[in-house]
N, C-alpha and C. Protein backbone atom coordinates (compact mmCIF):
# COMPACT_ATOMS: atom_id res chain seq x y z
N MET A 1 -25.53 30.83 23.94
CA MET A 1 -25.15 32.25 23.96
C MET A 1 -24.02 32.46 24.96
N ARG A 2 -22.93 33.14 24.51
CA ARG A 2 -21.83 33.43 25.42
C ARG A 2 -22.27 34.46 26.45
N PRO A 3 -21.72 34.39 27.68
CA PRO A 3 -22.09 35.35 28.73
C PRO A 3 -21.88 36.79 28.30
N GLU A 4 -20.76 37.08 27.57
CA GLU A 4 -20.48 38.46 27.20
C GLU A 4 -21.44 39.00 26.16
N SER A 5 -22.12 38.08 25.41
CA SER A 5 -23.01 38.54 24.36
C SER A 5 -24.19 39.34 24.91
N ALA A 6 -24.50 39.14 26.18
CA ALA A 6 -25.62 39.86 26.79
C ALA A 6 -25.28 41.32 27.05
N ILE A 7 -23.98 41.66 27.09
CA ILE A 7 -23.59 43.04 27.39
C ILE A 7 -22.99 43.76 26.18
N ILE A 8 -22.94 43.07 25.03
CA ILE A 8 -22.42 43.69 23.80
C ILE A 8 -23.59 43.93 22.86
N VAL A 9 -23.68 45.13 22.35
CA VAL A 9 -24.79 45.46 21.46
C VAL A 9 -24.75 44.59 20.21
N GLU A 10 -25.91 44.35 19.63
CA GLU A 10 -26.06 43.36 18.56
C GLU A 10 -25.15 43.59 17.36
N PRO A 11 -25.03 44.82 16.82
CA PRO A 11 -24.14 44.99 15.64
C PRO A 11 -22.69 44.63 15.92
N VAL A 12 -22.22 44.94 17.13
CA VAL A 12 -20.84 44.60 17.50
C VAL A 12 -20.70 43.10 17.66
N ALA A 13 -21.64 42.47 18.35
CA ALA A 13 -21.60 41.02 18.56
C ALA A 13 -21.65 40.28 17.22
N ARG A 14 -22.43 40.82 16.28
CA ARG A 14 -22.56 40.19 14.96
C ARG A 14 -21.25 40.24 14.19
N LEU A 15 -20.56 41.39 14.24
CA LEU A 15 -19.29 41.50 13.54
C LEU A 15 -18.24 40.59 14.17
N ILE A 16 -18.21 40.52 15.49
CA ILE A 16 -17.27 39.62 16.17
C ILE A 16 -17.52 38.18 15.73
N GLU A 17 -18.78 37.81 15.67
CA GLU A 17 -19.12 36.45 15.25
C GLU A 17 -18.68 36.16 13.82
N GLU A 18 -18.91 37.12 12.91
CA GLU A 18 -18.53 36.91 11.51
C GLU A 18 -17.02 36.86 11.34
N LEU A 19 -16.29 37.75 12.03
CA LEU A 19 -14.83 37.75 11.92
C LEU A 19 -14.22 36.48 12.49
N SER A 20 -14.83 35.94 13.54
CA SER A 20 -14.29 34.73 14.17
C SER A 20 -14.44 33.50 13.28
N LYS A 21 -15.23 33.60 12.21
CA LYS A 21 -15.38 32.50 11.26
C LYS A 21 -14.22 32.43 10.28
N LEU A 22 -13.41 33.50 10.21
CA LEU A 22 -12.28 33.53 9.28
C LEU A 22 -11.17 32.62 9.79
N PRO A 23 -10.41 31.98 8.88
CA PRO A 23 -9.33 31.10 9.31
C PRO A 23 -8.26 31.85 10.08
N GLY A 24 -7.85 31.29 11.21
CA GLY A 24 -6.81 31.90 12.03
C GLY A 24 -7.28 33.02 12.93
N ILE A 25 -8.58 33.32 12.89
CA ILE A 25 -9.13 34.40 13.72
C ILE A 25 -10.02 33.78 14.81
N GLY A 26 -9.54 33.82 16.04
CA GLY A 26 -10.33 33.32 17.15
C GLY A 26 -11.19 34.43 17.73
N PRO A 27 -12.00 34.13 18.74
CA PRO A 27 -12.89 35.12 19.34
C PRO A 27 -12.17 36.35 19.88
N LYS A 28 -10.98 36.17 20.48
CA LYS A 28 -10.26 37.31 21.04
C LYS A 28 -9.76 38.24 19.94
N THR A 29 -9.17 37.66 18.90
CA THR A 29 -8.69 38.47 17.78
C THR A 29 -9.87 39.15 17.08
N ALA A 30 -10.96 38.43 16.92
CA ALA A 30 -12.15 39.00 16.29
C ALA A 30 -12.66 40.19 17.11
N SER A 31 -12.60 40.08 18.43
CA SER A 31 -13.04 41.19 19.28
C SER A 31 -12.12 42.39 19.13
N ARG A 32 -10.80 42.15 19.08
CA ARG A 32 -9.85 43.25 18.93
C ARG A 32 -10.05 43.97 17.60
N LEU A 33 -10.24 43.19 16.53
CA LEU A 33 -10.46 43.79 15.21
C LEU A 33 -11.75 44.60 15.19
N THR A 34 -12.79 44.06 15.81
CA THR A 34 -14.08 44.75 15.83
C THR A 34 -13.98 46.09 16.55
N PHE A 35 -13.33 46.10 17.71
CA PHE A 35 -13.25 47.35 18.45
C PHE A 35 -12.26 48.33 17.82
N PHE A 36 -11.28 47.81 17.07
CA PHE A 36 -10.42 48.69 16.28
C PHE A 36 -11.25 49.40 15.22
N LEU A 37 -12.09 48.64 14.51
CA LEU A 37 -12.93 49.21 13.46
C LEU A 37 -13.96 50.17 14.04
N LEU A 38 -14.41 49.88 15.25
CA LEU A 38 -15.38 50.75 15.90
C LEU A 38 -14.78 52.13 16.17
N ARG A 39 -13.47 52.15 16.48
CA ARG A 39 -12.79 53.42 16.78
C ARG A 39 -12.23 54.10 15.52
N ALA A 40 -12.16 53.35 14.42
CA ALA A 40 -11.53 53.87 13.21
C ALA A 40 -12.38 54.95 12.56
N GLU A 41 -11.73 55.77 11.72
CA GLU A 41 -12.45 56.78 10.95
C GLU A 41 -13.47 56.10 10.03
N GLU A 42 -14.58 56.76 9.81
CA GLU A 42 -15.63 56.18 8.97
C GLU A 42 -15.11 55.87 7.57
N GLY A 43 -14.24 56.72 7.05
CA GLY A 43 -13.70 56.50 5.71
C GLY A 43 -12.91 55.21 5.61
N GLN A 44 -12.16 54.90 6.68
CA GLN A 44 -11.36 53.68 6.68
C GLN A 44 -12.26 52.44 6.67
N VAL A 45 -13.33 52.50 7.45
CA VAL A 45 -14.25 51.36 7.51
C VAL A 45 -14.98 51.20 6.18
N GLN A 46 -15.38 52.32 5.58
CA GLN A 46 -16.06 52.25 4.29
C GLN A 46 -15.13 51.70 3.21
N ALA A 47 -13.86 52.09 3.26
CA ALA A 47 -12.89 51.58 2.28
C ALA A 47 -12.74 50.07 2.39
N LEU A 48 -12.72 49.58 3.63
CA LEU A 48 -12.61 48.14 3.86
C LEU A 48 -13.85 47.43 3.32
N ALA A 49 -15.02 47.96 3.63
CA ALA A 49 -16.27 47.35 3.17
C ALA A 49 -16.34 47.33 1.64
N GLN A 50 -15.93 48.44 1.03
CA GLN A 50 -15.97 48.53 -0.44
C GLN A 50 -14.97 47.57 -1.08
N ALA A 51 -13.80 47.41 -0.44
CA ALA A 51 -12.80 46.48 -0.97
C ALA A 51 -13.31 45.04 -0.92
N LEU A 52 -13.99 44.68 0.16
CA LEU A 52 -14.55 43.34 0.28
C LEU A 52 -15.61 43.09 -0.78
N LEU A 53 -16.50 44.05 -0.98
CA LEU A 53 -17.56 43.90 -1.98
C LEU A 53 -16.99 43.85 -3.39
N ALA A 54 -16.00 44.70 -3.66
CA ALA A 54 -15.39 44.71 -4.99
C ALA A 54 -14.71 43.38 -5.29
N MET A 55 -14.04 42.81 -4.29
CA MET A 55 -13.37 41.54 -4.48
C MET A 55 -14.38 40.46 -4.87
N LYS A 56 -15.50 40.39 -4.15
CA LYS A 56 -16.51 39.37 -4.43
C LYS A 56 -17.19 39.60 -5.77
N GLU A 57 -17.35 40.84 -6.16
CA GLU A 57 -18.05 41.15 -7.40
C GLU A 57 -17.15 41.02 -8.64
N GLN A 58 -15.87 41.30 -8.50
CA GLN A 58 -15.00 41.40 -9.66
C GLN A 58 -14.04 40.23 -9.86
N VAL A 59 -13.67 39.56 -8.78
CA VAL A 59 -12.66 38.51 -8.88
C VAL A 59 -13.32 37.14 -9.09
N HIS A 60 -12.78 36.39 -10.05
CA HIS A 60 -13.25 35.03 -10.29
C HIS A 60 -12.04 34.18 -10.67
N PHE A 61 -12.28 32.98 -11.14
CA PHE A 61 -11.18 32.08 -11.45
C PHE A 61 -10.90 32.06 -12.95
N CYS A 62 -9.63 32.01 -13.29
CA CYS A 62 -9.18 31.94 -14.68
C CYS A 62 -9.80 30.72 -15.36
N SER A 63 -10.29 30.89 -16.56
CA SER A 63 -10.96 29.80 -17.27
C SER A 63 -9.97 28.73 -17.73
N ARG A 64 -8.69 29.04 -17.67
CA ARG A 64 -7.67 28.09 -18.11
C ARG A 64 -6.97 27.40 -16.95
N CYS A 65 -6.47 28.18 -16.00
CA CYS A 65 -5.65 27.60 -14.92
C CYS A 65 -6.31 27.66 -13.55
N PHE A 66 -7.41 28.41 -13.42
CA PHE A 66 -8.17 28.53 -12.17
C PHE A 66 -7.46 29.33 -11.09
N ASN A 67 -6.48 30.15 -11.51
CA ASN A 67 -5.92 31.15 -10.61
C ASN A 67 -6.93 32.30 -10.53
N ILE A 68 -6.74 33.21 -9.59
CA ILE A 68 -7.66 34.33 -9.48
C ILE A 68 -7.39 35.36 -10.57
N THR A 69 -8.45 36.03 -11.03
CA THR A 69 -8.33 37.01 -12.10
C THR A 69 -9.56 37.89 -12.14
N VAL A 70 -9.46 39.01 -12.84
CA VAL A 70 -10.62 39.86 -13.07
C VAL A 70 -11.03 39.79 -14.54
N ALA A 71 -10.28 39.03 -15.34
CA ALA A 71 -10.58 38.87 -16.76
C ALA A 71 -10.85 37.39 -17.03
N ALA A 72 -11.09 37.03 -18.28
CA ALA A 72 -11.33 35.63 -18.61
C ALA A 72 -10.09 34.78 -18.30
N LEU A 73 -8.91 35.33 -18.62
CA LEU A 73 -7.64 34.66 -18.33
C LEU A 73 -6.85 35.49 -17.33
N CYS A 74 -6.10 34.82 -16.47
CA CYS A 74 -5.27 35.52 -15.50
C CYS A 74 -4.06 36.14 -16.21
N PRO A 75 -3.35 37.07 -15.57
CA PRO A 75 -2.19 37.69 -16.21
C PRO A 75 -1.10 36.70 -16.65
N ILE A 76 -0.93 35.62 -15.91
CA ILE A 76 0.10 34.64 -16.27
C ILE A 76 -0.29 33.90 -17.54
N CYS A 77 -1.55 33.49 -17.64
CA CYS A 77 -2.00 32.80 -18.85
C CYS A 77 -1.98 33.72 -20.06
N GLN A 78 -2.15 35.02 -19.83
CA GLN A 78 -2.13 35.98 -20.93
C GLN A 78 -0.72 36.30 -21.41
N ASP A 79 0.28 35.98 -20.60
CA ASP A 79 1.66 36.35 -20.91
C ASP A 79 2.26 35.35 -21.91
N THR A 80 2.41 35.77 -23.14
CA THR A 80 2.94 34.88 -24.19
C THR A 80 4.43 34.61 -24.03
N ASN A 81 5.10 35.34 -23.14
CA ASN A 81 6.52 35.11 -22.90
C ASN A 81 6.75 33.97 -21.90
N ARG A 82 5.69 33.49 -21.26
CA ARG A 82 5.85 32.36 -20.33
C ARG A 82 6.08 31.08 -21.14
N ASP A 83 6.78 30.14 -20.52
CA ASP A 83 7.06 28.85 -21.15
C ASP A 83 5.76 28.03 -21.19
N GLN A 84 5.18 27.88 -22.36
CA GLN A 84 3.90 27.20 -22.53
C GLN A 84 4.02 25.68 -22.40
N SER A 85 5.23 25.17 -22.33
CA SER A 85 5.42 23.71 -22.28
C SER A 85 5.45 23.17 -20.85
N LYS A 86 5.39 24.06 -19.87
CA LYS A 86 5.47 23.63 -18.46
C LYS A 86 4.25 24.11 -17.68
N ILE A 87 3.69 23.21 -16.89
CA ILE A 87 2.58 23.55 -15.99
C ILE A 87 2.97 23.16 -14.58
N CYS A 88 2.91 24.12 -13.67
CA CYS A 88 3.18 23.86 -12.26
C CYS A 88 1.82 23.74 -11.55
N VAL A 89 1.57 22.60 -10.96
CA VAL A 89 0.29 22.34 -10.31
C VAL A 89 0.41 22.65 -8.82
N VAL A 90 -0.47 23.51 -8.33
CA VAL A 90 -0.46 23.90 -6.91
C VAL A 90 -1.85 23.71 -6.32
N GLU A 91 -1.91 23.77 -4.99
CA GLU A 91 -3.18 23.54 -4.31
C GLU A 91 -4.06 24.79 -4.28
N GLU A 92 -3.45 25.96 -4.04
CA GLU A 92 -4.22 27.18 -3.85
C GLU A 92 -3.58 28.36 -4.59
N PRO A 93 -4.36 29.42 -4.88
CA PRO A 93 -3.79 30.61 -5.52
C PRO A 93 -2.64 31.22 -4.72
N LEU A 94 -2.67 31.12 -3.40
CA LEU A 94 -1.56 31.64 -2.59
C LEU A 94 -0.24 30.97 -2.94
N ASP A 95 -0.29 29.71 -3.37
CA ASP A 95 0.93 29.00 -3.74
C ASP A 95 1.54 29.58 -5.01
N VAL A 96 0.69 30.06 -5.92
CA VAL A 96 1.18 30.72 -7.13
C VAL A 96 2.00 31.95 -6.73
N LEU A 97 1.46 32.74 -5.82
CA LEU A 97 2.17 33.94 -5.36
C LEU A 97 3.51 33.57 -4.74
N ALA A 98 3.53 32.50 -3.94
CA ALA A 98 4.77 32.08 -3.28
C ALA A 98 5.83 31.70 -4.30
N ILE A 99 5.46 30.93 -5.32
CA ILE A 99 6.43 30.51 -6.33
C ILE A 99 6.87 31.68 -7.19
N GLU A 100 5.94 32.57 -7.54
CA GLU A 100 6.29 33.74 -8.35
C GLU A 100 7.30 34.63 -7.64
N ARG A 101 7.23 34.71 -6.32
CA ARG A 101 8.18 35.53 -5.57
C ARG A 101 9.62 35.04 -5.71
N THR A 102 9.79 33.76 -6.03
CA THR A 102 11.14 33.22 -6.17
C THR A 102 11.79 33.62 -7.50
N ALA A 103 10.98 33.96 -8.49
CA ALA A 103 11.48 34.26 -9.85
C ALA A 103 12.25 33.08 -10.43
N ALA A 104 11.99 31.87 -9.94
CA ALA A 104 12.72 30.69 -10.40
C ALA A 104 11.95 29.89 -11.43
N TYR A 105 10.71 30.27 -11.69
CA TYR A 105 9.86 29.49 -12.59
C TYR A 105 9.16 30.44 -13.54
N ARG A 106 9.18 30.09 -14.85
CA ARG A 106 8.58 30.98 -15.85
C ARG A 106 7.57 30.24 -16.74
N GLY A 107 7.04 29.14 -16.23
CA GLY A 107 6.03 28.41 -16.98
C GLY A 107 4.62 28.84 -16.57
N LEU A 108 3.65 27.98 -16.84
CA LEU A 108 2.26 28.23 -16.50
C LEU A 108 1.90 27.52 -15.20
N TYR A 109 0.67 27.72 -14.75
CA TYR A 109 0.20 27.10 -13.51
C TYR A 109 -1.14 26.41 -13.74
N HIS A 110 -1.48 25.58 -12.76
CA HIS A 110 -2.83 25.02 -12.67
C HIS A 110 -3.16 24.89 -11.19
N VAL A 111 -4.25 25.53 -10.77
CA VAL A 111 -4.63 25.55 -9.36
C VAL A 111 -5.73 24.53 -9.11
N LEU A 112 -5.47 23.58 -8.22
CA LEU A 112 -6.44 22.52 -7.93
C LEU A 112 -7.57 22.98 -7.02
N HIS A 113 -7.31 23.99 -6.20
CA HIS A 113 -8.25 24.46 -5.18
C HIS A 113 -8.51 23.40 -4.12
N GLY A 114 -7.40 22.88 -3.59
CA GLY A 114 -7.50 21.94 -2.49
C GLY A 114 -6.60 20.74 -2.68
N HIS A 115 -6.79 19.75 -1.84
CA HIS A 115 -6.02 18.50 -1.91
C HIS A 115 -6.93 17.35 -1.52
N ILE A 116 -6.51 16.16 -1.84
CA ILE A 116 -7.28 14.98 -1.47
C ILE A 116 -7.26 14.82 0.05
N ALA A 117 -8.43 14.77 0.66
CA ALA A 117 -8.53 14.62 2.11
C ALA A 117 -9.85 13.92 2.43
N PRO A 118 -9.89 12.59 2.32
CA PRO A 118 -11.14 11.85 2.55
C PRO A 118 -11.79 12.11 3.91
N LEU A 119 -10.97 12.31 4.95
CA LEU A 119 -11.53 12.57 6.27
C LEU A 119 -12.27 13.90 6.33
N GLU A 120 -11.92 14.82 5.41
CA GLU A 120 -12.60 16.11 5.34
C GLU A 120 -13.67 16.12 4.25
N GLY A 121 -13.87 14.97 3.62
CA GLY A 121 -14.86 14.89 2.56
C GLY A 121 -14.41 15.50 1.25
N ILE A 122 -13.09 15.60 1.04
CA ILE A 122 -12.56 16.19 -0.20
C ILE A 122 -11.99 15.06 -1.06
N TYR A 123 -12.61 14.83 -2.20
CA TYR A 123 -12.20 13.76 -3.09
C TYR A 123 -11.80 14.33 -4.46
N ARG A 124 -11.40 13.44 -5.32
CA ARG A 124 -10.92 13.83 -6.65
C ARG A 124 -11.89 14.76 -7.37
N GLU A 125 -13.18 14.44 -7.31
CA GLU A 125 -14.17 15.23 -8.06
C GLU A 125 -14.33 16.65 -7.55
N HIS A 126 -13.81 16.93 -6.35
CA HIS A 126 -13.89 18.28 -5.80
C HIS A 126 -12.74 19.17 -6.27
N LEU A 127 -11.75 18.60 -6.93
CA LEU A 127 -10.57 19.34 -7.37
C LEU A 127 -10.57 19.51 -8.89
N LYS A 128 -9.72 20.41 -9.38
CA LYS A 128 -9.65 20.70 -10.81
C LYS A 128 -8.67 19.74 -11.51
N ILE A 129 -8.85 18.45 -11.25
CA ILE A 129 -7.94 17.44 -11.81
C ILE A 129 -8.29 17.12 -13.25
N ASP A 130 -9.56 16.90 -13.54
CA ASP A 130 -9.96 16.60 -14.92
C ASP A 130 -9.60 17.74 -15.86
N GLU A 131 -9.73 18.96 -15.36
CA GLU A 131 -9.37 20.13 -16.17
C GLU A 131 -7.86 20.16 -16.47
N LEU A 132 -7.06 19.73 -15.51
CA LEU A 132 -5.61 19.63 -15.72
C LEU A 132 -5.30 18.61 -16.80
N LEU A 133 -5.90 17.44 -16.71
CA LEU A 133 -5.65 16.38 -17.69
C LEU A 133 -6.08 16.83 -19.08
N ALA A 134 -7.17 17.57 -19.16
CA ALA A 134 -7.62 18.09 -20.46
C ALA A 134 -6.60 19.05 -21.04
N ARG A 135 -5.98 19.87 -20.19
CA ARG A 135 -4.95 20.80 -20.66
C ARG A 135 -3.73 20.05 -21.19
N VAL A 136 -3.32 19.02 -20.46
CA VAL A 136 -2.14 18.26 -20.88
C VAL A 136 -2.39 17.60 -22.23
N ARG A 137 -3.62 17.16 -22.45
CA ARG A 137 -3.96 16.52 -23.72
C ARG A 137 -4.04 17.51 -24.88
N SER A 138 -4.47 18.72 -24.59
CA SER A 138 -4.76 19.67 -25.68
C SER A 138 -3.69 20.75 -25.88
N GLU A 139 -2.82 20.97 -24.88
CA GLU A 139 -1.81 22.01 -24.98
C GLU A 139 -0.43 21.38 -25.19
N PRO A 140 0.55 22.15 -25.69
CA PRO A 140 1.90 21.62 -25.96
C PRO A 140 2.73 21.47 -24.69
N VAL A 141 2.27 20.64 -23.77
CA VAL A 141 2.91 20.48 -22.46
C VAL A 141 3.87 19.31 -22.48
N ASP A 142 5.11 19.53 -22.02
CA ASP A 142 6.06 18.41 -21.92
C ASP A 142 6.50 18.15 -20.48
N GLU A 143 6.16 19.06 -19.55
CA GLU A 143 6.50 18.83 -18.15
C GLU A 143 5.39 19.36 -17.24
N VAL A 144 5.05 18.56 -16.24
CA VAL A 144 4.11 18.98 -15.21
C VAL A 144 4.84 18.90 -13.87
N VAL A 145 4.92 20.03 -13.19
CA VAL A 145 5.57 20.11 -11.88
C VAL A 145 4.50 20.00 -10.80
N LEU A 146 4.59 18.98 -9.99
CA LEU A 146 3.60 18.78 -8.92
C LEU A 146 4.10 19.45 -7.65
N ALA A 147 3.68 20.68 -7.44
CA ALA A 147 4.15 21.47 -6.29
C ALA A 147 3.10 21.46 -5.18
N MET A 148 2.72 20.24 -4.78
CA MET A 148 1.81 20.11 -3.65
C MET A 148 2.55 20.42 -2.36
N ASN A 149 1.81 20.78 -1.31
CA ASN A 149 2.44 20.99 -0.02
C ASN A 149 3.04 19.66 0.47
N PRO A 150 4.23 19.71 1.08
CA PRO A 150 4.91 18.48 1.51
C PRO A 150 4.35 17.92 2.81
N ASN A 151 3.07 17.53 2.78
CA ASN A 151 2.44 16.90 3.94
C ASN A 151 1.66 15.68 3.44
N THR A 152 0.97 15.00 4.33
CA THR A 152 0.28 13.76 3.98
C THR A 152 -0.73 13.96 2.86
N GLU A 153 -1.54 15.01 2.97
CA GLU A 153 -2.56 15.26 1.95
C GLU A 153 -1.93 15.63 0.61
N GLY A 154 -0.87 16.44 0.67
CA GLY A 154 -0.18 16.83 -0.55
C GLY A 154 0.45 15.64 -1.25
N GLU A 155 1.05 14.73 -0.47
CA GLU A 155 1.66 13.54 -1.05
C GLU A 155 0.61 12.65 -1.70
N ALA A 156 -0.53 12.50 -1.05
CA ALA A 156 -1.60 11.67 -1.61
C ALA A 156 -2.12 12.25 -2.91
N THR A 157 -2.25 13.58 -2.95
CA THR A 157 -2.72 14.26 -4.16
C THR A 157 -1.71 14.11 -5.29
N ALA A 158 -0.42 14.26 -4.96
CA ALA A 158 0.63 14.12 -5.98
C ALA A 158 0.67 12.70 -6.54
N PHE A 159 0.48 11.71 -5.68
CA PHE A 159 0.49 10.31 -6.14
C PHE A 159 -0.67 10.05 -7.10
N LEU A 160 -1.84 10.59 -6.77
CA LEU A 160 -3.00 10.42 -7.64
C LEU A 160 -2.75 11.08 -9.00
N LEU A 161 -2.19 12.29 -8.98
CA LEU A 161 -1.91 13.00 -10.23
C LEU A 161 -0.86 12.26 -11.06
N LEU A 162 0.17 11.75 -10.39
CA LEU A 162 1.22 11.00 -11.09
C LEU A 162 0.62 9.82 -11.83
N ARG A 163 -0.27 9.10 -11.16
CA ARG A 163 -0.93 7.94 -11.77
C ARG A 163 -1.71 8.32 -13.02
N ASP A 164 -2.35 9.50 -12.98
CA ASP A 164 -3.15 9.94 -14.13
C ASP A 164 -2.30 10.54 -15.25
N LEU A 165 -1.16 11.14 -14.88
CA LEU A 165 -0.35 11.85 -15.87
C LEU A 165 0.61 10.96 -16.64
N VAL A 166 1.13 9.94 -16.00
CA VAL A 166 2.12 9.08 -16.66
C VAL A 166 1.62 8.49 -17.98
N PRO A 167 0.38 7.98 -18.04
CA PRO A 167 -0.10 7.43 -19.32
C PRO A 167 -0.19 8.46 -20.44
N LEU A 168 -0.18 9.74 -20.10
CA LEU A 168 -0.26 10.78 -21.12
C LEU A 168 1.09 11.10 -21.74
N GLY A 169 2.15 10.47 -21.22
CA GLY A 169 3.48 10.63 -21.81
C GLY A 169 4.17 11.93 -21.48
N VAL A 170 3.73 12.60 -20.43
CA VAL A 170 4.33 13.87 -20.04
C VAL A 170 5.35 13.64 -18.93
N ARG A 171 6.39 14.45 -18.91
CA ARG A 171 7.38 14.37 -17.84
C ARG A 171 6.78 14.96 -16.55
N VAL A 172 6.88 14.22 -15.45
CA VAL A 172 6.30 14.67 -14.18
C VAL A 172 7.43 14.86 -13.17
N THR A 173 7.52 16.06 -12.59
CA THR A 173 8.56 16.36 -11.61
C THR A 173 7.93 16.92 -10.34
N ARG A 174 8.76 16.96 -9.29
CA ARG A 174 8.35 17.59 -8.04
C ARG A 174 9.48 18.49 -7.55
N PRO A 175 9.18 19.57 -6.83
CA PRO A 175 10.25 20.40 -6.27
C PRO A 175 11.15 19.56 -5.37
N ALA A 176 12.45 19.89 -5.37
CA ALA A 176 13.41 19.18 -4.53
C ALA A 176 13.05 19.36 -3.06
N ARG A 177 13.55 18.48 -2.22
CA ARG A 177 13.19 18.50 -0.82
C ARG A 177 13.92 19.55 -0.01
N GLY A 178 13.93 20.78 -0.53
CA GLY A 178 14.42 21.88 0.28
C GLY A 178 13.31 22.40 1.17
N LEU A 179 12.08 21.91 0.93
CA LEU A 179 10.93 22.35 1.70
C LEU A 179 10.72 21.46 2.91
N PRO A 180 10.34 22.03 4.05
CA PRO A 180 10.15 21.22 5.24
C PRO A 180 8.90 20.35 5.14
N THR A 181 9.03 19.09 5.51
CA THR A 181 7.87 18.20 5.52
C THR A 181 6.85 18.70 6.53
N GLY A 182 5.60 18.74 6.09
CA GLY A 182 4.53 19.21 6.97
C GLY A 182 4.26 20.69 6.86
N GLY A 183 5.07 21.42 6.05
CA GLY A 183 4.89 22.87 5.93
C GLY A 183 4.03 23.22 4.73
N ASP A 184 3.70 24.49 4.60
CA ASP A 184 2.92 25.00 3.48
C ASP A 184 3.79 25.89 2.61
N LEU A 185 3.57 25.85 1.29
CA LEU A 185 4.36 26.64 0.36
C LEU A 185 4.31 28.13 0.67
N GLU A 186 3.14 28.61 1.07
CA GLU A 186 2.98 30.05 1.25
C GLU A 186 3.87 30.60 2.37
N TRP A 187 4.33 29.73 3.29
CA TRP A 187 5.16 30.18 4.41
C TRP A 187 6.65 29.99 4.16
N ALA A 188 7.00 29.35 3.03
CA ALA A 188 8.42 29.12 2.73
C ALA A 188 9.07 30.43 2.28
N ASP A 189 10.33 30.64 2.69
CA ASP A 189 11.02 31.84 2.26
C ASP A 189 11.41 31.68 0.79
N PRO A 190 11.52 32.79 0.05
CA PRO A 190 11.77 32.72 -1.40
C PRO A 190 13.02 31.94 -1.78
N GLU A 191 14.10 32.05 -0.98
CA GLU A 191 15.34 31.36 -1.32
C GLU A 191 15.16 29.84 -1.27
N THR A 192 14.53 29.35 -0.19
CA THR A 192 14.30 27.92 -0.05
C THR A 192 13.39 27.40 -1.14
N LEU A 193 12.31 28.12 -1.38
CA LEU A 193 11.35 27.68 -2.40
C LEU A 193 11.96 27.76 -3.79
N GLY A 194 12.75 28.80 -4.04
CA GLY A 194 13.40 28.93 -5.34
C GLY A 194 14.37 27.79 -5.59
N SER A 195 15.15 27.42 -4.58
CA SER A 195 16.09 26.30 -4.72
C SER A 195 15.34 25.00 -4.98
N ALA A 196 14.20 24.83 -4.32
CA ALA A 196 13.42 23.62 -4.51
C ALA A 196 12.87 23.53 -5.93
N ILE A 197 12.43 24.68 -6.46
CA ILE A 197 11.91 24.69 -7.82
C ILE A 197 13.02 24.38 -8.83
N HIS A 198 14.20 25.01 -8.65
CA HIS A 198 15.32 24.77 -9.55
C HIS A 198 15.77 23.31 -9.49
N GLY A 199 15.70 22.71 -8.30
CA GLY A 199 16.19 21.34 -8.11
C GLY A 199 15.10 20.29 -8.20
N ARG A 200 13.99 20.62 -8.86
CA ARG A 200 12.90 19.65 -8.95
C ARG A 200 13.36 18.35 -9.57
N ARG A 201 12.73 17.26 -9.20
CA ARG A 201 13.14 15.94 -9.67
C ARG A 201 12.00 15.26 -10.41
N GLU A 202 12.37 14.34 -11.27
CA GLU A 202 11.36 13.62 -12.03
C GLU A 202 10.79 12.50 -11.19
N LEU A 203 9.51 12.23 -11.36
CA LEU A 203 8.85 11.18 -10.60
C LEU A 203 8.70 9.92 -11.45
């Protein structure tokens, strides 16, 4: 038990503890957020609580690409004007948003929901890799863009996918190296990411 927990009432201490479990939120930030909410209008707090509950109740993963959606298919998969012959493979739904902001890509997506990381206990079977291969076999796909994050885990994941995709006879490309090594797609500015997508190379 932290020393300060003895002087903070239980509901406040509980919220601080729960907020501090969020990525990028340490104990100090969690405390600031908690006391902000404590001072906020009741309507604002209720709106936040309702938004959180609605997200958990209504949002799920697209049955085709595993992006987030409130329907069976996400808006991108439903869009018949998208190029059905191209699939851009990303690690997380946030990466889809990052690439869409560039307006440089008009194909489909496939979200793996992670990357290969044996030290973290994340292996092939934990990712949506088999589902991707099934799509390549059954859909009119001629190019797969491997837009993994340019770090060690992303490179390992891309290499594994390349090995599985080549026998299927599909063209495999990666975004050009306009992206910084070790960075994440979600933090790249639209111009840099757009240039990388336009300049993708075949593997």
